[in-house]
Amino acid sequence: MSHLIKIKPNTSISDINELWRPSAGQKVVFEISKSSSFGLFVEGVALGFLKELKKREHEIEIRFNRLSKQVSVSDLVYLKSLNTPTLKHLVDANIPEILCGIFGMQLLFQASRMDRVLRHEDNDNSDFDARIFIGSCVWFVIQRNGGLLGDGKRQYLFSRHDYMVPRVLRESDHLTFPKAETFRKKITSIIQALGSENVEQEEKKDLVGAWLYHIAENAHEHGAVDISNGDAVLEEYRGILLEKLYFPNLESIQKRKDISDNIRNYLLDLWNNHGLSGISTTITIATVMDGGVGIQNSIPDIAGKAKSIDKLEQAFSRGVTRRSQKKIKAGYGLDDAVRLTRNLKACIVLSTADLFVVKTYNDIDDQGLGSLNEYDVLNKSVGTAFSLMWPSLLKDSDGGIVL
């Protein structure tokens, strides 16, 4: 008997932690529909759980909800003739939007089959593999957009084993991670184009770009390889998700259902104490996600500590790196990223292997991440999703604009 996972609207971490738990050897069937989606900070966690299913050798199938419309073959063929295809073209062809994200592309890549969901208007009875056909069409659109896909509220930057660096971020070839200055310049222009982000202030622009550079470079070096197999490149999808949130009033923060209490308290703190109201109700979230072994499992256990949380604290210590040949400032990236959080009045959300941690700028001092006394345990052992959540503009006590 197979294990059915229905991905509902605003799927939560607790949904995944409790329901995505098949018995050993069970086939897993993901049922998706037009309304399937993830809540805030959930997609990266879901990507890790999907990798966990692969690690445990579960066969995976995809099923469209019985009420879902079939995907039009002619629409997808037409889409491949366009010079500038968009996410809207994919959605108009009845491809559920969840399949057009990093999790969705990995699901298509990892599944063994997909229910026949293609509609042939020309009575062509050719036996298309729906999974491969849909996946190739989405990937075609992604590549035509330089590795970028999304809309005015959400943008994905895709990477995979044969497309290591999205074209919109490249400095040279697709294998070489860009230099810091190039990365910061390109990523901040993408963020500025997403809604009403005010990152024109040079200092703030540098802070946001620097944070993303540290985390994305770390994912490129450690999250894209199999450290148990001589750093062989992992054949899977990873990347960056950029999101916009809009809070028109205090009630909208209090009533939002897809955020935890600690994140809600962070937003209320911005609203009440840092001029979020009346200046900007826009929040930006950047998430770097991959299917690697997890930050704490990529660092040698030099202290002989067994607990996962102890190893995670050690991984964020300044100068700690898994590289045997240390380069200048090796092991500084994670610690630097944490310190930048304080300057941005930001919140970080980290899911790595079996741990889930939330830290706001108020929790971070000269010791960086410090002691992790509060955390949740997840039913997985792989995957990392590291998120930064920050306000567009803040106001100081005298009414002036500050970072």
Foldseek 3Di string as FASTA:
>chain_A
DAQEAEQAAADAQVSCQPRVDDDQAHAYEYEYALRRDHFPPCLQVLLQSVLQCVVSPHAYEYEYDPPAAFFEPVLLVVQLVDLQRALVSLVVSRDRVVLLAQSNLQNLVRHPAYPRRYDYPVPDPDDDGVSVSSSVSSVSNCVSVQQWHDDLFKIWRKAFLVQLGGRLQDPDDRLDHDDLVSQLVSVLVVVVSRHNFQPPPPVSSSLVSLLCVLVQVCCSQFQQAAVVPVRHGDGGMWTKMKGKDFDQDLVSLVPDDSDDPVVSVLLVCQVPAWPCPPPNRMKMKMKTKGWFQWQLVLFPPVVPDDDSQVSVLVLLAFPGDRDPDDDPRPSHSNQSSQQSQLQQQKKKWKDTFFKTAIDTSVCADPRGNPHGPDIGTGPGRTMMMMMIMGTRWTAHPVGDIGD
